Protein backbone atom coordinates (compact mmCIF):
# COMPACT_ATOMS: atom_id res chain seq x y z
CA MET A 1 -14.62 79.67 99.76
CA LYS A 2 -14.77 76.57 97.69
CA ILE A 3 -11.28 75.18 95.52
CA ILE A 4 -12.47 73.29 92.32
CA LYS A 5 -10.45 71.81 90.00
CA LYS A 6 -12.46 70.13 87.83
CA ILE A 7 -15.19 70.94 85.60
CA ASN A 8 -17.89 68.35 86.49
CA GLN A 9 -17.27 69.81 90.23
CA LEU A 10 -17.32 73.14 89.22
CA ASN A 11 -20.79 72.21 87.62
CA LYS A 12 -22.51 70.81 90.85
CA TYR A 13 -21.75 74.40 92.45
CA ILE A 14 -22.62 76.77 90.19
CA SER A 15 -25.41 75.02 87.96
CA ASN A 16 -28.21 76.78 90.13
CA VAL A 17 -26.66 80.26 90.32
CA SER A 18 -27.59 82.45 87.80
CA ASN A 19 -25.86 85.66 89.05
CA VAL A 20 -22.25 84.53 88.74
CA GLY A 21 -19.31 86.92 88.56
CA PHE A 22 -16.22 85.78 87.09
CA VAL A 23 -12.69 87.00 87.55
CA PRO A 24 -9.97 85.21 85.05
CA THR A 25 -6.60 85.26 86.32
CA MET A 26 -3.57 83.60 85.68
CA GLY A 27 -2.48 83.79 89.58
CA GLY A 28 0.55 85.77 90.91
CA LEU A 29 -2.67 88.34 92.48
CA HIS A 30 -1.84 91.87 93.37
CA LYS A 31 -4.03 95.04 94.21
CA GLY A 32 -5.28 95.22 90.50
CA HIS A 33 -7.16 91.69 90.83
CA ILE A 34 -8.28 92.57 93.97
CA SER A 35 -10.28 95.72 92.16
CA LEU A 36 -11.68 93.40 89.59
CA ILE A 37 -12.98 90.98 92.77
CA LYS A 38 -14.44 93.78 94.69
CA LYS A 39 -16.45 95.12 91.21
CA SER A 40 -17.61 91.47 90.98
CA LYS A 41 -18.62 91.49 94.53
CA LYS A 42 -20.98 94.81 94.01
CA MET A 43 -22.50 93.36 90.73
CA ALA A 44 -22.93 89.62 91.06
CA GLY A 45 -24.40 87.59 93.57
CA LYS A 46 -21.53 84.94 94.15
CA THR A 47 -17.82 85.55 92.64
CA LEU A 48 -15.82 82.89 90.94
CA VAL A 49 -12.00 83.63 90.10
CA SER A 50 -10.02 80.96 88.19
CA ILE A 51 -6.50 80.63 88.35
CA PHE A 52 -5.05 79.28 85.14
CA VAL A 53 -1.48 80.05 83.61
CA ASN A 54 -2.96 79.50 80.01
CA PRO A 55 -0.21 78.19 77.64
CA THR A 56 -1.56 79.16 74.49
CA GLN A 57 -1.35 82.78 74.81
CA PHE A 58 2.60 83.01 75.42
CA ASP A 59 4.58 83.32 72.02
CA LYS A 60 7.82 82.10 73.85
CA LYS A 61 8.36 78.90 75.97
CA LYS A 62 10.29 80.69 78.36
CA ASP A 63 8.10 83.33 78.99
CA PHE A 64 5.76 80.34 79.85
CA LEU A 65 8.47 79.01 82.24
CA ILE A 66 8.95 81.79 84.11
CA TYR A 67 5.53 83.55 84.76
CA PRO A 68 5.29 83.75 88.71
CA ARG A 69 3.51 81.08 90.21
CA CYS A 70 2.57 81.30 93.72
CA LEU A 71 -0.57 79.53 94.61
CA LYS A 72 -0.45 79.58 98.23
CA LYS A 73 -0.46 83.19 98.28
CA ASP A 74 -2.71 83.28 96.05
CA LEU A 75 -5.27 81.26 97.94
CA VAL A 76 -4.59 83.24 101.23
CA LYS A 77 -5.83 86.67 99.30
CA LEU A 78 -8.61 84.95 97.73
CA LYS A 79 -10.06 83.63 101.02
CA LYS A 80 -9.54 87.44 102.75
CA ALA A 81 -11.19 88.97 99.83
CA LYS A 82 -14.05 86.81 100.38
CA VAL A 83 -14.42 85.24 97.20
CA ASP A 84 -17.17 82.17 96.76
CA PHE A 85 -15.54 80.05 94.30
CA VAL A 86 -11.99 79.27 93.12
CA PHE A 87 -11.59 77.31 89.77
CA ILE A 88 -7.66 75.87 89.36
CA PRO A 89 -7.84 73.68 86.45
CA SER A 90 -5.00 71.78 84.54
CA ALA A 91 -4.71 72.41 80.59
CA ASN A 92 -5.94 69.20 79.84
CA GLU A 93 -9.12 69.96 81.65
CA ILE A 94 -9.62 72.97 79.74
CA TYR A 95 -8.36 71.91 76.47
CA PHE A 96 -10.11 68.70 76.35
CA LYS A 97 -12.02 69.40 73.27
CA LYS A 98 -10.29 70.54 70.15
CA ARG A 99 -11.88 74.00 68.36
CA LYS A 100 -14.11 73.17 65.27
CA ARG A 101 -12.60 76.41 64.19
CA LYS A 102 -9.55 78.31 64.34
CA ILE A 103 -9.86 81.98 65.80
CA VAL A 104 -8.69 84.56 63.29
CA ILE A 105 -8.29 88.16 64.30
CA ASN A 106 -9.05 90.86 61.79
CA LYS A 107 -6.13 92.32 60.12
CA LYS A 108 -6.71 96.00 61.08
CA TYR A 109 -6.77 94.80 64.55
CA LYS A 110 -3.12 93.45 64.68
CA ILE A 111 -1.62 96.16 65.82
CA LEU A 112 0.53 96.82 69.20
CA CYS A 113 0.54 93.64 71.12
CA SER A 114 -0.68 91.29 68.60
CA LYS A 115 1.63 92.24 65.95
CA PHE A 116 4.75 91.87 68.11
CA ARG A 117 3.36 88.73 70.17
CA LYS A 118 2.26 86.11 67.47
CA GLY A 119 -0.60 84.17 68.51
CA HIS A 120 -1.04 86.11 71.72
CA PHE A 121 -4.17 87.08 71.49
CA GLU A 122 -5.79 84.13 69.36
CA GLY A 123 -4.67 82.12 72.69
CA VAL A 124 -6.80 84.77 74.95
CA LEU A 125 -9.65 84.56 73.01
CA ASP A 126 -9.63 81.00 72.88
CA VAL A 127 -9.36 80.42 76.50
CA VAL A 128 -11.69 83.36 77.58
CA GLU A 129 -14.46 81.56 75.13
CA ARG A 130 -13.70 78.29 76.92
CA PHE A 131 -14.05 79.40 80.20
CA ILE A 132 -17.51 81.52 79.34
CA LYS A 133 -18.80 78.19 78.07
CA ILE A 134 -17.83 76.13 81.13
CA ILE A 135 -18.85 78.84 83.91
CA ASN A 136 -21.60 81.12 81.67
CA PRO A 137 -20.96 83.63 84.24
CA LYS A 138 -23.39 86.98 84.10
CA PHE A 139 -20.53 89.31 84.50
CA ILE A 140 -16.96 88.90 83.51
CA PHE A 141 -14.25 91.25 84.48
CA PHE A 142 -10.82 92.71 82.88
CA GLY A 143 -8.35 95.16 83.45
CA GLU A 144 -8.35 98.54 81.84
CA LYS A 145 -4.52 97.92 82.01
CA ASP A 146 -4.70 95.39 78.90
CA TYR A 147 -6.75 97.34 77.01
CA GLN A 148 -6.30 96.06 73.45
CA GLN A 149 -7.12 92.49 75.39
CA PHE A 150 -10.48 93.97 76.41
CA PHE A 151 -11.24 95.35 73.11
CA LEU A 152 -10.74 91.98 71.37
CA ILE A 153 -12.76 90.20 73.67
CA LYS A 154 -15.43 92.61 73.71
CA LYS A 155 -15.22 92.91 69.86
CA TYR A 156 -15.72 88.79 69.54
CA PHE A 157 -17.75 87.77 71.99
CA SER A 158 -20.36 90.62 72.55
CA GLY A 159 -23.70 89.58 71.21
CA LYS A 160 -22.39 85.65 71.07
CA PHE A 161 -22.94 85.43 74.68
CA LYS A 162 -25.21 86.64 77.42
CA THR A 163 -22.29 87.39 79.61
CA LYS A 164 -21.72 91.05 80.08
CA ILE A 165 -17.84 92.25 79.72
CA ILE A 166 -17.12 94.79 82.34
CA LEU A 167 -13.79 97.01 82.14
CA CYS A 168 -12.40 98.10 85.41
CA LYS A 169 -9.74 101.12 86.14
CA THR A 170 -5.83 100.60 86.19
CA ILE A 171 -4.46 100.05 89.53
CA ARG A 172 -1.22 101.59 89.72
CA ASP A 173 1.24 101.72 92.79
CA LYS A 174 2.63 104.75 94.48
CA ASN A 175 5.29 105.14 92.02
CA LYS A 176 3.27 105.26 88.87
CA ILE A 177 3.83 101.43 87.63
CA ALA A 178 0.71 99.57 86.71
CA LEU A 179 0.24 96.69 88.95
CA SER A 180 0.91 93.37 86.65
CA THR A 181 2.03 89.85 87.91
CA ARG A 182 5.15 90.10 85.72
CA ASN A 183 6.67 92.99 87.58
CA GLN A 184 8.16 90.38 90.21
CA LEU A 185 10.36 89.44 87.43
CA LEU A 186 12.15 92.93 88.05
CA ASN A 187 14.54 93.91 90.18
CA LYS A 188 14.80 97.05 92.05
CA ASN A 189 16.54 99.08 89.25
CA GLN A 190 14.44 98.12 86.48
CA MET A 191 11.34 99.18 88.41
CA GLN A 192 12.91 102.11 89.08
CA ILE A 193 13.33 102.52 85.41
CA ALA A 194 9.56 101.45 85.00
CA SER A 195 8.50 104.04 87.35
CA ASN A 196 10.12 106.62 85.37
CA ILE A 197 9.12 105.73 82.14
CA SER A 198 5.60 105.72 83.47
CA LYS A 199 5.53 109.07 85.20
CA LYS A 200 7.12 110.39 81.37
CA PHE A 201 3.86 108.88 80.23
CA ILE A 202 1.48 110.37 81.89
CA ILE A 203 3.01 113.86 81.70
CA PHE A 204 2.99 113.83 78.38
CA LYS A 205 -0.63 112.32 78.23
CA ASN A 206 -1.48 115.35 80.19
CA GLN A 207 0.28 117.55 77.16
CA ILE A 208 -1.43 115.93 74.00
CA ASP A 209 -3.46 118.40 71.96
CA TYR A 210 -5.98 115.96 70.30
CA LYS A 211 -6.45 118.70 67.60
CA ILE A 212 -3.10 118.43 66.13
CA SER A 213 -0.62 116.02 64.88
CA ASN A 214 1.72 114.98 68.20
CA SER A 215 3.92 112.55 66.37
CA ASN A 216 6.99 114.85 66.81
CA LYS A 217 6.69 114.82 70.87
CA LEU A 218 5.92 111.14 70.60
CA ASN A 219 9.25 110.42 68.70
CA GLN A 220 11.09 112.90 71.12
CA ILE A 221 10.09 110.61 73.91
CA LYS A 222 10.80 107.81 72.11
CA TYR A 223 14.31 108.43 71.24
CA PHE A 224 14.96 109.97 74.79
CA LEU A 225 13.63 106.51 76.73
CA ILE A 226 15.86 104.08 73.80
CA ASN A 227 18.77 106.60 74.68
CA LYS A 228 18.60 106.70 78.51
CA TYR A 229 17.66 103.69 79.47
CA LYS A 230 19.26 101.26 76.48
CA ILE A 231 15.90 99.79 76.16
CA LYS A 232 13.99 98.45 72.76
CA ILE A 233 10.54 99.82 72.52
CA ASP A 234 8.25 97.85 70.12
CA TYR A 235 5.80 100.43 69.94
CA LEU A 236 5.01 103.44 70.96
CA GLU A 237 1.60 105.05 69.71
CA ILE A 238 -1.40 107.44 70.25
CA ILE A 239 -4.25 105.55 69.46
CA ASP A 240 -8.03 105.97 69.54
CA LYS A 241 -9.77 103.34 71.86
């Protein structure tokens, strides 16, 4: 496993590799990330994983500062997963060149996370485009958990690059919580609440009748969760993907 920090160093290793599978991460690796790596190893000749906590996709500075970082543990997991290359660039390395054109997301896609996290997806699209240009992978892998992210990446980059954008299924723990690096920031009680909420959604999903409006049922669940767990809900919607 080669650990690389500079773009010119990366080019020396992958310039002659035509079948690279790329798994972009912000570290804090879990079984969801490992599932993406396994998919890459099946489809590609070589697998490259990046670890880069991208500052431009955080709408709040505090969120960026407290984002879980555990590089030593991540490298142990990547070595065990038999990854070929690990790219750990600095922000200066990635953002050395300024963009010629600002990324603008169509108003009709400014829903869900895009509505409530200002600049988040613009930052995601920017960094993904930079990585694709640097690496030129044959495949790039994303989790279904972040479906809006996948949708926008596919919308903006399909046809622009030869890289194939691959969607991989959500991985959940035994309590039905979708695996996420940010789960490390939750205490035991919060994880139990997250589990209860997730199970409630799964039951509701199985009860949805797509021939009729489900807005009343959705509102019932929304107010139940707000009152029971004293939480704030930014959005809760049924969306045609």
